[in-house]
PDB file of N, CA and C in Angstrom:
ATOM      1  N   UNK A   1      -6.654  24.800   2.122  1.00  0.00           N
ATOM      2  CA  UNK A   1      -7.079  25.307   3.341  1.00  0.00           C
ATOM      3  C   UNK A   1      -6.698  24.379   4.615  1.00  0.00           C
ATOM      4  N   UNK A   2      -6.168  24.853   5.541  1.00  0.00           N
ATOM      5  CA  UNK A   2      -5.866  24.098   6.813  1.00  0.00           C
ATOM      6  C   UNK A   2      -6.761  24.542   7.963  1.00  0.00           C
ATOM      7  N   UNK A   3      -7.027  23.758   8.863  1.00  0.00           N
ATOM      8  CA  UNK A   3      -7.897  24.098  10.098  1.00  0.00           C
ATOM      9  C   UNK A   3      -7.008  23.748  11.287  1.00  0.00           C
ATOM     10  N   UNK A   4      -6.644  24.787  11.986  1.00  0.00           N
ATOM     11  CA  UNK A   4      -5.945  24.461  13.281  1.00  0.00           C
ATOM     12  C   UNK A   4      -6.957  23.602  14.233  1.00  0.00           C
ATOM     13  N   UNK A   5      -6.322  22.567  14.909  1.00  0.00           N
ATOM     14  CA  UNK A   5      -6.939  21.754  15.884  1.00  0.00           C
ATOM     15  C   UNK A   5      -6.083  21.773  17.149  1.00  0.00           C
ATOM     16  N   UNK A   6      -6.625  22.645  18.108  1.00  0.00           N
ATOM     17  CA  UNK A   6      -5.899  22.697  19.297  1.00  0.00           C
ATOM     18  C   UNK A   6      -5.917  21.380  20.035  1.00  0.00           C
ATOM     19  N   UNK A   7      -4.695  20.868  20.597  1.00  0.00           N
ATOM     20  CA  UNK A   7      -4.522  19.720  21.241  1.00  0.00           C
ATOM     21  C   UNK A   7      -3.410  19.664  22.109  1.00  0.00           C
ATOM     22  N   UNK A   8      -3.255  18.892  23.067  1.00  0.00           N
ATOM     23  CA  UNK A   8      -2.266  18.861  24.117  1.00  0.00           C
ATOM     24  C   UNK A   8      -1.522  17.549  24.192  1.00  0.00           C
ATOM     25  N   UNK A   9      -0.239  17.708  24.360  1.00  0.00           N
ATOM     26  CA  UNK A   9       0.711  16.387  24.359  1.00  0.00           C
ATOM     27  C   UNK A   9       1.502  16.633  25.756  1.00  0.00           C
ATOM     28  N   UNK A  10       1.768  15.360  26.338  1.00  0.00           N
ATOM     29  CA  UNK A  10       2.601  15.456  27.531  1.00  0.00           C
ATOM     30  C   UNK A  10       3.988  15.569  27.014  1.00  0.00           C
ATOM     31  N   UNK A  11       4.851  15.731  28.081  1.00  0.00           N
ATOM     32  CA  UNK A  11       6.291  15.933  27.757  1.00  0.00           C
ATOM     33  C   UNK A  11       6.938  14.763  26.973  1.00  0.00           C
ATOM     34  N   UNK A  12       6.634  13.505  27.277  1.00  0.00           N
ATOM     35  CA  UNK A  12       7.149  12.377  26.548  1.00  0.00           C
ATOM     36  C   UNK A  12       6.629  12.409  25.183  1.00  0.00           C
ATOM     37  N   UNK A  13       5.425  12.725  24.812  1.00  0.00           N
ATOM     38  CA  UNK A  13       4.890  12.570  23.540  1.00  0.00           C
ATOM     39  C   UNK A  13       5.520  13.802  22.670  1.00  0.00           C
ATOM     40  N   UNK A  14       5.799  14.920  23.298  1.00  0.00           N
ATOM     41  CA  UNK A  14       6.447  15.986  22.675  1.00  0.00           C
ATOM     42  C   UNK A  14       7.810  15.640  22.220  1.00  0.00           C
ATOM     43  N   UNK A  15       8.474  14.982  23.184  1.00  0.00           N
ATOM     44  CA  UNK A  15       9.890  14.456  22.920  1.00  0.00           C
ATOM     45  C   UNK A  15       9.919  13.501  21.826  1.00  0.00           C
ATOM     46  N   UNK A  16       8.949  12.545  21.686  1.00  0.00           N
ATOM     47  CA  UNK A  16       8.787  11.644  20.559  1.00  0.00           C
ATOM     48  C   UNK A  16       8.634  12.284  19.430  1.00  0.00           C
ATOM     49  N   UNK A  17       7.810  13.317  19.309  1.00  0.00           N
ATOM     50  CA  UNK A  17       7.430  13.969  18.022  1.00  0.00           C
ATOM     51  C   UNK A  17       8.686  14.834  17.549  1.00  0.00           C
ATOM     52  N   UNK A  18       9.362  15.506  18.574  1.00  0.00           N
ATOM     53  CA  UNK A  18      10.573  16.215  18.187  1.00  0.00           C
ATOM     54  C   UNK A  18      11.694  15.338  17.794  1.00  0.00           C
ATOM     55  N   UNK A  19      11.811  13.996  18.348  1.00  0.00           N
ATOM     56  CA  UNK A  19      12.860  13.079  17.910  1.00  0.00           C
ATOM     57  C   UNK A  19      12.580  12.730  16.441  1.00  0.00           C
ATOM     58  N   UNK A  20      11.355  12.491  16.060  1.00  0.00           N
ATOM     59  CA  UNK A  20      10.855  12.203  14.768  1.00  0.00           C
ATOM     60  C   UNK A  20      11.364  13.325  13.785  1.00  0.00           C
ATOM     61  N   UNK A  21      11.126  14.606  14.122  1.00  0.00           N
ATOM     62  CA  UNK A  21      11.613  15.686  13.386  1.00  0.00           C
ATOM     63  C   UNK A  21      13.043  15.774  13.272  1.00  0.00           C
ATOM     64  N   UNK A  22      13.835  15.486  14.339  1.00  0.00           N
ATOM     65  CA  UNK A  22      15.167  15.412  14.284  1.00  0.00           C
ATOM     66  C   UNK A  22      15.798  14.328  13.416  1.00  0.00           C
ATOM     67  N   UNK A  23      14.982  13.347  13.273  1.00  0.00           N
ATOM     68  CA  UNK A  23      15.438  12.214  12.365  1.00  0.00           C
ATOM     69  C   UNK A  23      15.081  12.339  10.948  1.00  0.00           C
ATOM     70  N   UNK A  24      14.521  13.563  10.598  1.00  0.00           N
ATOM     71  CA  UNK A  24      14.035  13.796   9.273  1.00  0.00           C
ATOM     72  C   UNK A  24      12.848  13.142   8.637  1.00  0.00           C
ATOM     73  N   UNK A  25      12.081  12.629   9.657  1.00  0.00           N
ATOM     74  CA  UNK A  25      10.817  11.924   9.273  1.00  0.00           C
ATOM     75  C   UNK A  25       9.837  12.926   8.694  1.00  0.00           C
ATOM     76  N   UNK A  26       9.808  14.112   9.198  1.00  0.00           N
ATOM     77  CA  UNK A  26       8.953  15.250   8.775  1.00  0.00           C
ATOM     78  C   UNK A  26       9.672  16.482   9.100  1.00  0.00           C
ATOM     79  N   UNK A  27       9.317  17.564   8.467  1.00  0.00           N
ATOM     80  CA  UNK A  27       9.962  19.044   8.671  1.00  0.00           C
ATOM     81  C   UNK A  27       9.631  19.635   9.947  1.00  0.00           C
ATOM     82  N   UNK A  28       8.531  19.376  10.511  1.00  0.00           N
ATOM     83  CA  UNK A  28       8.210  19.906  11.810  1.00  0.00           C
ATOM     84  C   UNK A  28       7.137  19.172  12.445  1.00  0.00           C
ATOM     85  N   UNK A  29       6.719  19.615  13.639  1.00  0.00           N
ATOM     86  CA  UNK A  29       5.822  18.819  14.488  1.00  0.00           C
ATOM     87  C   UNK A  29       4.467  18.586  13.783  1.00  0.00           C
ATOM     88  N   UNK A  30       3.887  19.527  13.197  1.00  0.00           N
ATOM     89  CA  UNK A  30       2.683  19.437  12.351  1.00  0.00           C
ATOM     90  C   UNK A  30       2.694  18.346  11.387  1.00  0.00           C
ATOM     91  N   UNK A  31       3.794  18.385  10.629  1.00  0.00           N
ATOM     92  CA  UNK A  31       4.030  17.385   9.672  1.00  0.00           C
ATOM     93  C   UNK A  31       4.045  15.955  10.058  1.00  0.00           C
ATOM     94  N   UNK A  32       4.663  15.846  11.292  1.00  0.00           N
ATOM     95  CA  UNK A  32       4.784  14.425  11.993  1.00  0.00           C
ATOM     96  C   UNK A  32       3.351  14.048  12.347  1.00  0.00           C
ATOM     97  N   UNK A  33       2.550  14.954  12.906  1.00  0.00           N
ATOM     98  CA  UNK A  33       1.133  14.547  13.312  1.00  0.00           C
ATOM     99  C   UNK A  33       0.371  14.220  12.165  1.00  0.00           C
ATOM    100  N   UNK A  34       0.434  15.086  11.069  1.00  0.00           N
ATOM    101  CA  UNK A  34      -0.223  14.757   9.758  1.00  0.00           C
ATOM    102  C   UNK A  34       0.079  13.515   9.078  1.00  0.00           C
ATOM    103  N   UNK A  35       1.339  13.079   9.238  1.00  0.00           N
ATOM    104  CA  UNK A  35       1.745  11.789   8.677  1.00  0.00           C
ATOM    105  C   UNK A  35       1.274  10.586   9.653  1.00  0.00           C
ATOM    106  N   UNK A  36       1.176  10.907  10.980  1.00  0.00           N
ATOM    107  CA  UNK A  36       0.682   9.865  11.830  1.00  0.00           C
ATOM    108  C   UNK A  36      -0.745   9.520  11.590  1.00  0.00           C
ATOM    109  N   UNK A  37      -1.482  10.606  11.286  1.00  0.00           N
ATOM    110  CA  UNK A  37      -2.987  10.478  11.047  1.00  0.00           C
ATOM    111  C   UNK A  37      -3.079   9.743   9.816  1.00  0.00           C
ATOM    112  N   UNK A  38      -2.310   9.936   8.649  1.00  0.00           N
ATOM    113  CA  UNK A  38      -2.325   9.297   7.313  1.00  0.00           C
ATOM    114  C   UNK A  38      -2.003   7.845   7.609  1.00  0.00           C
ATOM    115  N   UNK A  39      -1.025   7.614   8.457  1.00  0.00           N
ATOM    116  CA  UNK A  39      -0.655   6.192   8.709  1.00  0.00           C
ATOM    117  C   UNK A  39      -1.832   5.437   9.498  1.00  0.00           C
ATOM    118  N   UNK A  40      -2.362   6.034  10.443  1.00  0.00           N
ATOM    119  CA  UNK A  40      -3.422   5.412  11.304  1.00  0.00           C
ATOM    120  C   UNK A  40      -4.635   5.260  10.371  1.00  0.00           C
ATOM    121  N   UNK A  41      -5.014   6.049   9.496  1.00  0.00           N
ATOM    122  CA  UNK A  41      -6.082   5.925   8.626  1.00  0.00           C
ATOM    123  C   UNK A  41      -5.838   4.756   7.694  1.00  0.00           C
ATOM    124  N   UNK A  42      -4.598   4.544   7.144  1.00  0.00           N
ATOM    125  CA  UNK A  42      -4.287   3.434   6.247  1.00  0.00           C
ATOM    126  C   UNK A  42      -4.366   2.200   6.877  1.00  0.00           C
ATOM    127  N   UNK A  43      -3.790   2.173   8.264  1.00  0.00           N
ATOM    128  CA  UNK A  43      -3.808   0.950   9.064  1.00  0.00           C
ATOM    129  C   UNK A  43      -5.263   0.496   9.423  1.00  0.00           C
ATOM    130  N   UNK A  44      -6.116   1.430   9.751  1.00  0.00           N
ATOM    131  CA  UNK A  44      -7.551   1.048  10.054  1.00  0.00           C
ATOM    132  C   UNK A  44      -8.211   0.574   8.727  1.00  0.00           C
ATOM    133  N   UNK A  45      -7.987   1.188   7.557  1.00  0.00           N
ATOM    134  CA  UNK A  45      -8.533   0.708   6.367  1.00  0.00           C
ATOM    135  C   UNK A  45      -8.117  -0.655   6.033  1.00  0.00           C
ATOM    136  N   UNK A  46      -6.764  -0.909   6.205  1.00  0.00           N
ATOM    137  CA  UNK A  46      -6.245  -2.261   5.886  1.00  0.00           C
ATOM    138  C   UNK A  46      -6.820  -3.269   6.770  1.00  0.00           C
ATOM    139  N   UNK A  47      -7.018  -2.880   8.071  1.00  0.00           N
ATOM    140  CA  UNK A  47      -7.353  -3.880   9.126  1.00  0.00           C
ATOM    141  C   UNK A  47      -8.982  -4.215   8.691  1.00  0.00           C
ATOM    142  N   UNK A  48      -9.734  -3.329   8.316  1.00  0.00           N
ATOM    143  CA  UNK A  48     -11.109  -3.495   7.957  1.00  0.00           C
ATOM    144  C   UNK A  48     -11.209  -4.327   6.762  1.00  0.00           C
ATOM    145  N   UNK A  49     -10.321  -4.065   5.799  1.00  0.00           N
ATOM    146  CA  UNK A  49     -10.336  -4.936   4.493  1.00  0.00           C
ATOM    147  C   UNK A  49     -10.013  -6.431   4.931  1.00  0.00           C
ATOM    148  N   UNK A  50      -8.961  -6.563   5.785  1.00  0.00           N
ATOM    149  CA  UNK A  50      -8.538  -7.869   6.203  1.00  0.00           C
ATOM    150  C   UNK A  50      -9.732  -8.662   6.930  1.00  0.00           C
ATOM    151  N   UNK A  51     -10.389  -7.809   7.756  1.00  0.00           N
ATOM    152  CA  UNK A  51     -11.573  -8.438   8.632  1.00  0.00           C
ATOM    153  C   UNK A  51     -12.636  -8.921   7.556  1.00  0.00           C
ATOM    154  N   UNK A  52     -12.842  -8.078   6.489  1.00  0.00           N
ATOM    155  CA  UNK A  52     -13.911  -8.362   5.603  1.00  0.00           C
ATOM    156  C   UNK A  52     -13.525  -9.746   4.675  1.00  0.00           C
ATOM    157  N   UNK A  53     -12.126  -9.774   4.443  1.00  0.00           N
ATOM    158  CA  UNK A  53     -11.765 -11.023   3.649  1.00  0.00           C
ATOM    159  C   UNK A  53     -11.950 -12.195   4.591  1.00  0.00           C
ATOM    160  N   UNK A  54     -11.497 -12.115   5.862  1.00  0.00           N
ATOM    161  CA  UNK A  54     -11.550 -13.278   6.813  1.00  0.00           C
ATOM    162  C   UNK A  54     -12.931 -13.645   6.994  1.00  0.00           C
ATOM    163  N   UNK A  55     -13.838 -12.627   7.098  1.00  0.00           N
ATOM    164  CA  UNK A  55     -15.303 -12.922   7.336  1.00  0.00           C
ATOM    165  C   UNK A  55     -15.845 -13.661   6.170  1.00  0.00           C
ATOM    166  N   UNK A  56     -15.439 -13.251   4.950  1.00  0.00           N
ATOM    167  CA  UNK A  56     -16.025 -13.982   3.754  1.00  0.00           C
ATOM    168  C   UNK A  56     -15.520 -15.410   3.571  1.00  0.00           C
ATOM    169  N   UNK A  57     -14.236 -15.582   3.959  1.00  0.00           N
ATOM    170  CA  UNK A  57     -13.723 -16.911   3.994  1.00  0.00           C
ATOM    171  C   UNK A  57     -14.446 -17.768   5.131  1.00  0.00           C
ATOM    172  N   UNK A  58     -14.705 -17.261   6.212  1.00  0.00           N
ATOM    173  CA  UNK A  58     -15.377 -17.906   7.232  1.00  0.00           C
ATOM    174  C   UNK A  58     -16.995 -18.338   6.755  1.00  0.00           C
ATOM    175  N   UNK A  59     -17.511 -17.414   6.015  1.00  0.00           N
ATOM    176  CA  UNK A  59     -18.918 -17.572   5.392  1.00  0.00           C
ATOM    177  C   UNK A  59     -18.954 -18.624   4.331  1.00  0.00           C
ATOM    178  N   UNK A  60     -17.808 -18.550   3.519  1.00  0.00           N
ATOM    179  CA  UNK A  60     -17.793 -19.466   2.406  1.00  0.00           C
ATOM    180  C   UNK A  60     -16.242 -19.997   2.262  1.00  0.00           C
ATOM    181  N   UNK A  61     -15.949 -21.004   3.152  1.00  0.00           N
ATOM    182  CA  UNK A  61     -14.556 -21.511   3.018  1.00  0.00           C
ATOM    183  C   UNK A  61     -14.075 -21.845   1.611  1.00  0.00           C
ATOM    184  N   UNK A  62     -12.940 -21.771   1.410  1.00  0.00           N
ATOM    185  CA  UNK A  62     -12.397 -22.191   0.153  1.00  0.00           C
ATOM    186  C   UNK A  62     -12.585 -23.708  -0.152  1.00  0.00           C
ATOM    187  N   UNK A  63     -12.781 -24.106  -1.355  1.00  0.00           N
ATOM    188  CA  UNK A  63     -12.934 -25.627  -1.572  1.00  0.00           C
ATOM    189  C   UNK A  63     -11.952 -26.012  -2.703  1.00  0.00           C
ATOM    190  N   UNK A  64     -11.890 -27.279  -2.901  1.00  0.00           N
ATOM    191  CA  UNK A  64     -11.036 -27.867  -3.818  1.00  0.00           C
ATOM    192  C   UNK A  64     -11.379 -27.246  -5.321  1.00  0.00           C
ATOM    193  N   UNK A  65     -12.726 -26.971  -5.638  1.00  0.00           N
ATOM    194  CA  UNK A  65     -13.000 -26.329  -6.789  1.00  0.00           C
ATOM    195  C   UNK A  65     -12.401 -25.008  -6.912  1.00  0.00           C
ATOM    196  N   UNK A  66     -12.345 -24.223  -5.878  1.00  0.00           N
ATOM    197  CA  UNK A  66     -11.566 -22.932  -5.905  1.00  0.00           C
ATOM    198  C   UNK A  66     -10.203 -23.049  -6.121  1.00  0.00           C
ATOM    199  N   UNK A  67      -9.538 -24.156  -5.688  1.00  0.00           N
ATOM    200  CA  UNK A  67      -8.150 -24.428  -5.897  1.00  0.00           C
ATOM    201  C   UNK A  67      -7.884 -24.701  -7.368  1.00  0.00           C
ATOM    202  N   UNK A  68      -8.692 -25.454  -8.017  1.00  0.00           N
ATOM    203  CA  UNK A  68      -8.532 -25.756  -9.489  1.00  0.00           C
ATOM    204  C   UNK A  68      -8.725 -24.530 -10.237  1.00  0.00           C
ATOM    205  N   UNK A  69      -9.710 -23.630  -9.904  1.00  0.00           N
ATOM    206  CA  UNK A  69      -9.887 -22.352 -10.562  1.00  0.00           C
ATOM    207  C   UNK A  69      -8.773 -21.403 -10.506  1.00  0.00           C
ATOM    208  N   UNK A  70      -8.238 -21.438  -9.298  1.00  0.00           N
ATOM    209  CA  UNK A  70      -7.094 -20.468  -9.022  1.00  0.00           C
ATOM    210  C   UNK A  70      -5.844 -20.940  -9.952  1.00  0.00           C
ATOM    211  N   UNK A  71      -5.610 -22.303  -9.881  1.00  0.00           N
ATOM    212  CA  UNK A  71      -4.445 -22.856 -10.704  1.00  0.00           C
ATOM    213  C   UNK A  71      -4.712 -22.566 -12.162  1.00  0.00           C
ATOM    214  N   UNK A  72      -5.844 -22.704 -12.698  1.00  0.00           N
ATOM    215  CA  UNK A  72      -6.164 -22.467 -14.071  1.00  0.00           C
ATOM    216  C   UNK A  72      -5.972 -21.027 -14.389  1.00  0.00           C
ATOM    217  N   UNK A  73      -6.378 -20.019 -13.412  1.00  0.00           N
ATOM    218  CA  UNK A  73      -6.317 -18.666 -13.758  1.00  0.00           C
ATOM    219  C   UNK A  73      -4.780 -18.281 -13.749  1.00  0.00           C
ATOM    220  N   UNK A  74      -4.025 -18.894 -12.880  1.00  0.00           N
ATOM    221  CA  UNK A  74      -2.535 -18.646 -12.808  1.00  0.00           C
ATOM    222  C   UNK A  74      -1.879 -19.145 -13.977  1.00  0.00           C
ATOM    223  N   UNK A  75      -2.121 -20.198 -14.366  1.00  0.00           N
ATOM    224  CA  UNK A  75      -1.573 -20.830 -15.655  1.00  0.00           C
ATOM    225  C   UNK A  75      -1.995 -19.875 -16.847  1.00  0.00           C
ATOM    226  N   UNK A  76      -3.241 -19.499 -16.981  1.00  0.00           N
ATOM    227  CA  UNK A  76      -3.672 -18.655 -18.119  1.00  0.00           C
ATOM    228  C   UNK A  76      -2.814 -17.256 -18.171  1.00  0.00           C
ATOM    229  N   UNK A  77      -2.801 -16.609 -16.887  1.00  0.00           N
ATOM    230  CA  UNK A  77      -2.046 -15.525 -16.827  1.00  0.00           C
ATOM    231  C   UNK A  77      -0.561 -15.614 -17.168  1.00  0.00           C
ATOM    232  N   UNK A  78       0.125 -16.552 -16.725  1.00  0.00           N
ATOM    233  CA  UNK A  78       1.473 -16.877 -17.029  1.00  0.00           C
ATOM    234  C   UNK A  78       1.876 -17.179 -18.368  1.00  0.00           C
ATOM    235  N   UNK A  79       0.924 -17.925 -18.997  1.00  0.00           N
ATOM    236  CA  UNK A  79       1.091 -18.392 -20.338  1.00  0.00           C
ATOM    237  C   UNK A  79       0.916 -17.140 -21.368  1.00  0.00           C
ATOM    238  N   UNK A  80       0.161 -16.142 -21.027  1.00  0.00           N
ATOM    239  CA  UNK A  80      -0.038 -14.986 -21.864  1.00  0.00           C
ATOM    240  C   UNK A  80       0.923 -14.007 -21.775  1.00  0.00           C
ATOM    241  N   UNK A  81       1.721 -14.080 -20.610  1.00  0.00           N
ATOM    242  CA  UNK A  81       2.775 -13.046 -20.424  1.00  0.00           C
ATOM    243  C   UNK A  81       3.895 -13.146 -21.523  1.00  0.00           C
ATOM    244  N   UNK A  82       4.409 -12.038 -22.080  1.00  0.00           N
ATOM    245  CA  UNK A  82       5.567 -12.097 -23.013  1.00  0.00           C
ATOM    246  C   UNK A  82       6.819 -12.173 -22.455  1.00  0.00           C
ATOM    247  N   UNK A  83       7.066 -13.059 -21.671  1.00  0.00           N
ATOM    248  CA  UNK A  83       8.420 -13.189 -20.896  1.00  0.00           C
ATOM    249  C   UNK A  83       9.378 -13.219 -21.841  1.00  0.00           C
TER     250      UNK A  83
END
């Protein structure tokens, strides 16, 4: 099911949407807008994940013990691979 959402765009915005359609980015204006919403949602989600990771490092900075553990894990993973 789809739900129509009335909205207004100025001439420049419509021209940009139409250009995207003409470039084959999407088949029509609605598809361009749907794709833009998907990309915005993905960008917001990734930004929040990045902020959470940065916050956790600020609260608990990486130590030399962490470095040693990461190196040991990397070595264990690579030695078990059937290269």
